[in-house]
Amino acid sequence: MDFWTAMRRGWRGRCPRCAHGPLFGGFLKMRSHCPACGLVLDPYRADDAPAYFTIFAVGHIIVPLVLVFERYGNQPPLWVHAVLWLPLSVLMALILLPRIKGAVIALLWAHRIAAPKSTADSLDLSP
């Protein structure tokens, strides 16, 4: 499987292997397996990476816009900034987060980076 093909499929919220099954059962709830091809998705956990990348992307888009608006908007009052940038930031985050999570899961699948399986022998029960 081509890396970029898998990433595009994940970005669209589709199974990185077959592109037919949905990757999510809810807004961000990842399915345990692909209903179309049966790919087991449980080992590919995105953890905190999608949130980090989303904050990074939204921040790099919104902050320059705020600075340009402040510079060329004749220094508008703070309430104008709050009314404009807060909803835009939340909207961008809600749009990007599932797409970035899908792309991260596809990246993990393409590189075969699965979460380690926990067994009773590997648990650290020390005080």
N, C-alpha and C. Protein backbone atom coordinates (compact mmCIF):
# COMPACT_ATOMS: atom_id res chain seq x y z
N MET A 1 0.85 -1.19 0.00
CA MET A 1 0.00 0.00 0.00
C MET A 1 0.88 1.24 0.00
N ASP A 2 0.56 2.15 -0.88
CA ASP A 2 1.27 3.42 -0.97
C ASP A 2 0.96 4.26 0.28
N PHE A 3 2.00 4.85 0.85
CA PHE A 3 1.86 5.66 2.05
C PHE A 3 0.87 6.80 1.86
N TRP A 4 0.97 7.54 0.77
CA TRP A 4 0.11 8.70 0.55
C TRP A 4 -1.34 8.29 0.29
N THR A 5 -1.54 7.15 -0.34
CA THR A 5 -2.90 6.65 -0.54
C THR A 5 -3.55 6.33 0.80
N ALA A 6 -2.80 5.68 1.67
CA ALA A 6 -3.33 5.37 3.00
C ALA A 6 -3.63 6.65 3.77
N MET A 7 -2.77 7.64 3.67
CA MET A 7 -2.98 8.91 4.38
C MET A 7 -4.23 9.63 3.86
N ARG A 8 -4.43 9.63 2.54
CA ARG A 8 -5.63 10.26 1.97
C ARG A 8 -6.89 9.54 2.43
N ARG A 9 -6.83 8.23 2.46
CA ARG A 9 -7.99 7.45 2.92
C ARG A 9 -8.29 7.75 4.39
N GLY A 10 -7.27 7.81 5.21
CA GLY A 10 -7.46 8.14 6.61
C GLY A 10 -8.00 9.55 6.79
N TRP A 11 -7.50 10.50 6.00
CA TRP A 11 -7.97 11.89 6.06
C TRP A 11 -9.47 11.97 5.77
N ARG A 12 -9.93 11.12 4.84
CA ARG A 12 -11.35 11.10 4.49
C ARG A 12 -12.18 10.27 5.47
N GLY A 13 -11.52 9.66 6.47
CA GLY A 13 -12.26 8.87 7.46
C GLY A 13 -12.61 7.48 6.99
N ARG A 14 -11.85 6.98 6.05
CA ARG A 14 -12.09 5.65 5.49
C ARG A 14 -10.98 4.70 5.93
N CYS A 15 -11.25 3.41 5.80
CA CYS A 15 -10.25 2.39 6.14
C CYS A 15 -9.00 2.60 5.28
N PRO A 16 -7.81 2.58 5.89
CA PRO A 16 -6.60 2.82 5.10
C PRO A 16 -6.28 1.67 4.13
N ARG A 17 -6.82 0.48 4.37
CA ARG A 17 -6.53 -0.66 3.49
C ARG A 17 -7.49 -0.71 2.30
N CYS A 18 -8.80 -0.62 2.55
CA CYS A 18 -9.76 -0.84 1.46
C CYS A 18 -10.48 0.42 1.01
N ALA A 19 -10.52 1.46 1.81
CA ALA A 19 -11.19 2.74 1.53
C ALA A 19 -12.70 2.62 1.45
N HIS A 20 -13.26 1.47 1.80
CA HIS A 20 -14.72 1.31 1.73
C HIS A 20 -15.37 1.44 3.10
N GLY A 21 -14.75 0.90 4.13
CA GLY A 21 -15.33 0.93 5.46
C GLY A 21 -15.02 2.22 6.18
N PRO A 22 -15.96 2.71 7.00
CA PRO A 22 -15.69 3.93 7.78
C PRO A 22 -14.71 3.64 8.91
N LEU A 23 -13.87 4.59 9.18
CA LEU A 23 -12.86 4.47 10.23
C LEU A 23 -13.45 4.77 11.61
N PHE A 24 -14.49 5.60 11.64
CA PHE A 24 -15.08 6.03 12.91
C PHE A 24 -16.54 5.59 13.00
N GLY A 25 -16.93 5.22 14.22
CA GLY A 25 -18.32 4.89 14.48
C GLY A 25 -19.10 6.09 14.97
N GLY A 26 -18.42 7.11 15.43
CA GLY A 26 -19.00 8.36 15.90
C GLY A 26 -18.11 9.49 15.43
N PHE A 27 -18.20 10.63 16.12
CA PHE A 27 -17.39 11.77 15.71
C PHE A 27 -15.89 11.46 15.77
N LEU A 28 -15.43 10.90 16.88
CA LEU A 28 -14.02 10.52 17.03
C LEU A 28 -13.85 9.09 17.52
N LYS A 29 -14.93 8.33 17.66
CA LYS A 29 -14.87 6.97 18.19
C LYS A 29 -14.42 6.03 17.08
N MET A 30 -13.20 5.53 17.23
CA MET A 30 -12.63 4.64 16.23
C MET A 30 -13.27 3.26 16.32
N ARG A 31 -13.54 2.66 15.17
CA ARG A 31 -14.10 1.32 15.14
C ARG A 31 -13.00 0.31 15.51
N SER A 32 -13.41 -0.83 16.03
CA SER A 32 -12.44 -1.86 16.40
C SER A 32 -11.93 -2.60 15.16
N HIS A 33 -12.75 -2.65 14.12
CA HIS A 33 -12.33 -3.28 12.87
C HIS A 33 -13.11 -2.65 11.71
N CYS A 34 -12.59 -2.82 10.52
CA CYS A 34 -13.25 -2.29 9.33
C CYS A 34 -14.41 -3.21 8.97
N PRO A 35 -15.63 -2.67 8.82
CA PRO A 35 -16.76 -3.53 8.47
C PRO A 35 -16.68 -4.08 7.04
N ALA A 36 -15.90 -3.45 6.18
CA ALA A 36 -15.82 -3.89 4.79
C ALA A 36 -14.76 -4.98 4.57
N CYS A 37 -13.54 -4.77 5.09
CA CYS A 37 -12.46 -5.72 4.82
C CYS A 37 -12.01 -6.49 6.06
N GLY A 38 -12.49 -6.10 7.22
CA GLY A 38 -12.15 -6.82 8.45
C GLY A 38 -10.82 -6.44 9.06
N LEU A 39 -10.18 -5.38 8.59
CA LEU A 39 -8.91 -4.94 9.16
C LEU A 39 -9.09 -4.60 10.63
N VAL A 40 -8.29 -5.18 11.49
CA VAL A 40 -8.37 -4.90 12.93
C VAL A 40 -7.67 -3.56 13.18
N LEU A 41 -8.42 -2.61 13.71
CA LEU A 41 -7.90 -1.26 13.91
C LEU A 41 -7.50 -0.98 15.35
N ASP A 42 -7.84 -1.87 16.28
CA ASP A 42 -7.53 -1.65 17.69
C ASP A 42 -6.06 -1.41 17.98
N PRO A 43 -5.14 -2.11 17.33
CA PRO A 43 -3.72 -1.88 17.67
C PRO A 43 -3.18 -0.51 17.26
N TYR A 44 -3.89 0.19 16.39
CA TYR A 44 -3.40 1.47 15.88
C TYR A 44 -4.08 2.61 16.64
N ARG A 45 -3.51 2.95 17.78
CA ARG A 45 -4.07 3.98 18.65
C ARG A 45 -3.37 5.31 18.38
N ALA A 46 -4.16 6.32 18.12
CA ALA A 46 -3.60 7.64 17.82
C ALA A 46 -3.23 8.41 19.08
N ASP A 47 -3.84 8.08 20.22
CA ASP A 47 -3.59 8.73 21.50
C ASP A 47 -3.73 10.25 21.40
N ASP A 48 -2.72 11.02 21.82
CA ASP A 48 -2.82 12.48 21.86
C ASP A 48 -2.28 13.18 20.61
N ALA A 49 -1.74 12.44 19.68
CA ALA A 49 -1.13 13.07 18.49
C ALA A 49 -2.13 13.90 17.69
N PRO A 50 -3.35 13.43 17.42
CA PRO A 50 -4.27 14.27 16.63
C PRO A 50 -4.60 15.60 17.30
N ALA A 51 -4.78 15.59 18.61
CA ALA A 51 -5.07 16.85 19.31
C ALA A 51 -3.88 17.80 19.20
N TYR A 52 -2.69 17.27 19.36
CA TYR A 52 -1.48 18.11 19.26
C TYR A 52 -1.37 18.71 17.86
N PHE A 53 -1.51 17.88 16.83
CA PHE A 53 -1.38 18.37 15.46
C PHE A 53 -2.49 19.36 15.10
N THR A 54 -3.68 19.14 15.65
CA THR A 54 -4.79 20.06 15.40
C THR A 54 -4.52 21.42 16.03
N ILE A 55 -4.08 21.42 17.27
CA ILE A 55 -3.74 22.68 17.94
C ILE A 55 -2.62 23.39 17.19
N PHE A 56 -1.63 22.64 16.75
CA PHE A 56 -0.51 23.19 15.99
C PHE A 56 -1.01 23.86 14.70
N ALA A 57 -1.87 23.17 13.96
CA ALA A 57 -2.36 23.69 12.68
C ALA A 57 -3.26 24.91 12.89
N VAL A 58 -4.21 24.80 13.82
CA VAL A 58 -5.13 25.92 14.06
C VAL A 58 -4.35 27.14 14.55
N GLY A 59 -3.40 26.93 15.44
CA GLY A 59 -2.60 28.04 15.94
C GLY A 59 -1.79 28.72 14.85
N HIS A 60 -1.26 27.93 13.92
CA HIS A 60 -0.45 28.52 12.86
C HIS A 60 -1.30 29.20 11.78
N ILE A 61 -2.57 28.95 11.78
CA ILE A 61 -3.46 29.65 10.84
C ILE A 61 -4.08 30.87 11.51
N ILE A 62 -4.57 30.71 12.74
CA ILE A 62 -5.30 31.78 13.42
C ILE A 62 -4.39 32.91 13.88
N VAL A 63 -3.26 32.58 14.48
CA VAL A 63 -2.39 33.64 15.04
C VAL A 63 -1.93 34.64 13.98
N PRO A 64 -1.45 34.22 12.81
CA PRO A 64 -1.10 35.23 11.81
C PRO A 64 -2.30 36.07 11.36
N LEU A 65 -3.48 35.44 11.28
CA LEU A 65 -4.66 36.21 10.91
C LEU A 65 -5.00 37.25 11.97
N VAL A 66 -4.86 36.87 13.23
CA VAL A 66 -5.11 37.83 14.32
C VAL A 66 -4.13 39.00 14.22
N LEU A 67 -2.87 38.68 13.99
CA LEU A 67 -1.86 39.75 13.92
C LEU A 67 -2.08 40.68 12.73
N VAL A 68 -2.45 40.11 11.59
CA VAL A 68 -2.73 40.94 10.42
C VAL A 68 -3.97 41.80 10.66
N PHE A 69 -5.00 41.20 11.26
CA PHE A 69 -6.22 41.95 11.56
C PHE A 69 -5.96 43.07 12.56
N GLU A 70 -5.12 42.79 13.53
CA GLU A 70 -4.77 43.81 14.53
C GLU A 70 -3.99 44.95 13.88
N ARG A 71 -3.10 44.60 12.99
CA ARG A 71 -2.25 45.60 12.34
C ARG A 71 -3.04 46.48 11.36
N TYR A 72 -3.83 45.84 10.50
CA TYR A 72 -4.50 46.58 9.43
C TYR A 72 -5.98 46.86 9.73
N GLY A 73 -6.47 46.44 10.88
CA GLY A 73 -7.86 46.69 11.24
C GLY A 73 -8.03 47.85 12.19
N ASN A 74 -7.03 48.72 12.26
CA ASN A 74 -7.06 49.90 13.14
C ASN A 74 -7.27 49.53 14.60
N GLN A 75 -6.61 48.48 15.03
CA GLN A 75 -6.62 48.01 16.42
C GLN A 75 -8.05 47.92 16.97
N PRO A 76 -8.81 46.94 16.52
CA PRO A 76 -10.19 46.79 16.99
C PRO A 76 -10.23 46.41 18.46
N PRO A 77 -11.34 46.64 19.14
CA PRO A 77 -11.44 46.27 20.56
C PRO A 77 -11.36 44.76 20.75
N LEU A 78 -11.07 44.36 21.97
CA LEU A 78 -10.89 42.94 22.27
C LEU A 78 -12.15 42.12 22.03
N TRP A 79 -13.33 42.69 22.24
CA TRP A 79 -14.55 41.92 22.01
C TRP A 79 -14.69 41.52 20.55
N VAL A 80 -14.18 42.34 19.63
CA VAL A 80 -14.23 41.99 18.21
C VAL A 80 -13.35 40.77 17.95
N HIS A 81 -12.18 40.75 18.57
CA HIS A 81 -11.30 39.59 18.44
C HIS A 81 -11.98 38.35 19.01
N ALA A 82 -12.60 38.48 20.17
CA ALA A 82 -13.25 37.33 20.80
C ALA A 82 -14.40 36.80 19.95
N VAL A 83 -15.20 37.69 19.41
CA VAL A 83 -16.35 37.28 18.59
C VAL A 83 -15.88 36.65 17.27
N LEU A 84 -14.78 37.11 16.75
CA LEU A 84 -14.29 36.62 15.46
C LEU A 84 -13.44 35.36 15.58
N TRP A 85 -12.45 35.38 16.45
CA TRP A 85 -11.45 34.32 16.45
C TRP A 85 -11.81 33.10 17.27
N LEU A 86 -12.54 33.27 18.36
CA LEU A 86 -12.91 32.10 19.17
C LEU A 86 -13.80 31.12 18.40
N PRO A 87 -14.90 31.58 17.78
CA PRO A 87 -15.71 30.61 17.02
C PRO A 87 -14.95 30.02 15.82
N LEU A 88 -14.12 30.84 15.17
CA LEU A 88 -13.35 30.33 14.03
C LEU A 88 -12.36 29.27 14.49
N SER A 89 -11.72 29.47 15.62
CA SER A 89 -10.78 28.48 16.15
C SER A 89 -11.48 27.18 16.50
N VAL A 90 -12.62 27.27 17.16
CA VAL A 90 -13.37 26.07 17.53
C VAL A 90 -13.86 25.34 16.28
N LEU A 91 -14.38 26.07 15.33
CA LEU A 91 -14.86 25.47 14.09
C LEU A 91 -13.73 24.76 13.34
N MET A 92 -12.59 25.42 13.22
CA MET A 92 -11.45 24.79 12.55
C MET A 92 -11.00 23.53 13.27
N ALA A 93 -10.97 23.59 14.60
CA ALA A 93 -10.55 22.41 15.37
C ALA A 93 -11.53 21.26 15.17
N LEU A 94 -12.82 21.54 15.17
CA LEU A 94 -13.82 20.49 14.98
C LEU A 94 -13.78 19.91 13.57
N ILE A 95 -13.41 20.70 12.61
CA ILE A 95 -13.30 20.21 11.23
C ILE A 95 -12.02 19.39 11.06
N LEU A 96 -10.92 19.87 11.61
CA LEU A 96 -9.63 19.21 11.39
C LEU A 96 -9.39 17.98 12.26
N LEU A 97 -9.90 17.95 13.48
CA LEU A 97 -9.57 16.88 14.41
C LEU A 97 -9.89 15.48 13.89
N PRO A 98 -11.09 15.18 13.38
CA PRO A 98 -11.32 13.82 12.89
C PRO A 98 -10.49 13.49 11.65
N ARG A 99 -10.22 14.48 10.83
CA ARG A 99 -9.40 14.23 9.63
C ARG A 99 -7.95 13.92 10.01
N ILE A 100 -7.43 14.69 10.95
CA ILE A 100 -6.06 14.45 11.39
C ILE A 100 -5.96 13.13 12.13
N LYS A 101 -6.97 12.79 12.93
CA LYS A 101 -6.96 11.50 13.62
C LYS A 101 -6.98 10.35 12.62
N GLY A 102 -7.79 10.46 11.59
CA GLY A 102 -7.82 9.43 10.55
C GLY A 102 -6.48 9.30 9.84
N ALA A 103 -5.84 10.44 9.56
CA ALA A 103 -4.54 10.40 8.90
C ALA A 103 -3.48 9.79 9.81
N VAL A 104 -3.52 10.07 11.11
CA VAL A 104 -2.56 9.49 12.05
C VAL A 104 -2.75 7.98 12.14
N ILE A 105 -4.00 7.53 12.20
CA ILE A 105 -4.26 6.09 12.23
C ILE A 105 -3.76 5.44 10.96
N ALA A 106 -3.99 6.06 9.82
CA ALA A 106 -3.49 5.52 8.54
C ALA A 106 -1.97 5.51 8.51
N LEU A 107 -1.34 6.54 9.07
CA LEU A 107 0.12 6.58 9.14
C LEU A 107 0.65 5.42 9.98
N LEU A 108 0.01 5.18 11.13
CA LEU A 108 0.42 4.07 11.98
C LEU A 108 0.23 2.74 11.27
N TRP A 109 -0.88 2.59 10.55
CA TRP A 109 -1.13 1.35 9.82
C TRP A 109 -0.13 1.17 8.68
N ALA A 110 0.16 2.22 7.93
CA ALA A 110 1.07 2.13 6.79
C ALA A 110 2.48 1.74 7.22
N HIS A 111 2.88 2.19 8.40
CA HIS A 111 4.22 1.88 8.90
C HIS A 111 4.22 0.71 9.88
N ARG A 112 3.06 0.07 10.05
CA ARG A 112 2.91 -1.10 10.94
C ARG A 112 3.37 -0.79 12.36
N ILE A 113 2.97 0.36 12.87
CA ILE A 113 3.32 0.77 14.23
C ILE A 113 2.10 0.52 15.12
N ALA A 114 2.05 -0.66 15.68
CA ALA A 114 0.92 -1.03 16.53
C ALA A 114 1.29 -0.81 17.99
N ALA A 115 0.28 -0.55 18.81
CA ALA A 115 0.51 -0.40 20.24
C ALA A 115 0.91 -1.76 20.80
N PRO A 116 1.83 -1.77 21.75
CA PRO A 116 2.24 -3.05 22.33
C PRO A 116 1.08 -3.72 23.07
N LYS A 117 1.02 -5.04 22.94
CA LYS A 117 -0.03 -5.78 23.63
C LYS A 117 0.36 -5.95 25.09
N SER A 118 -0.58 -5.67 25.99
CA SER A 118 -0.28 -5.83 27.40
C SER A 118 -0.65 -7.25 27.83
N THR A 119 0.23 -7.85 28.59
CA THR A 119 -0.02 -9.18 29.14
C THR A 119 0.14 -9.09 30.64
N ALA A 120 -0.30 -10.12 31.32
CA ALA A 120 -0.19 -10.14 32.79
C ALA A 120 1.27 -10.12 33.22
N ASP A 121 2.17 -10.71 32.42
CA ASP A 121 3.59 -10.76 32.76
C ASP A 121 4.26 -9.40 32.59
N SER A 122 3.74 -8.56 31.69
CA SER A 122 4.39 -7.29 31.42
C SER A 122 3.89 -6.15 32.29
N LEU A 123 2.88 -6.39 33.11
CA LEU A 123 2.37 -5.33 33.98
C LEU A 123 3.32 -5.05 35.11
N ASP A 124 3.54 -3.79 35.40
CA ASP A 124 4.39 -3.40 36.50
C ASP A 124 3.51 -3.11 37.71
N LEU A 125 3.50 -3.99 38.65
CA LEU A 125 2.65 -3.85 39.83
C LEU A 125 3.44 -3.41 41.06
N SER A 126 4.62 -2.84 40.84
CA SER A 126 5.45 -2.41 41.96
C SER A 126 4.83 -1.21 42.66
N PRO A 127 5.06 -1.06 44.01
CA PRO A 127 4.46 0.07 44.74
C PRO A 127 5.11 1.39 44.40
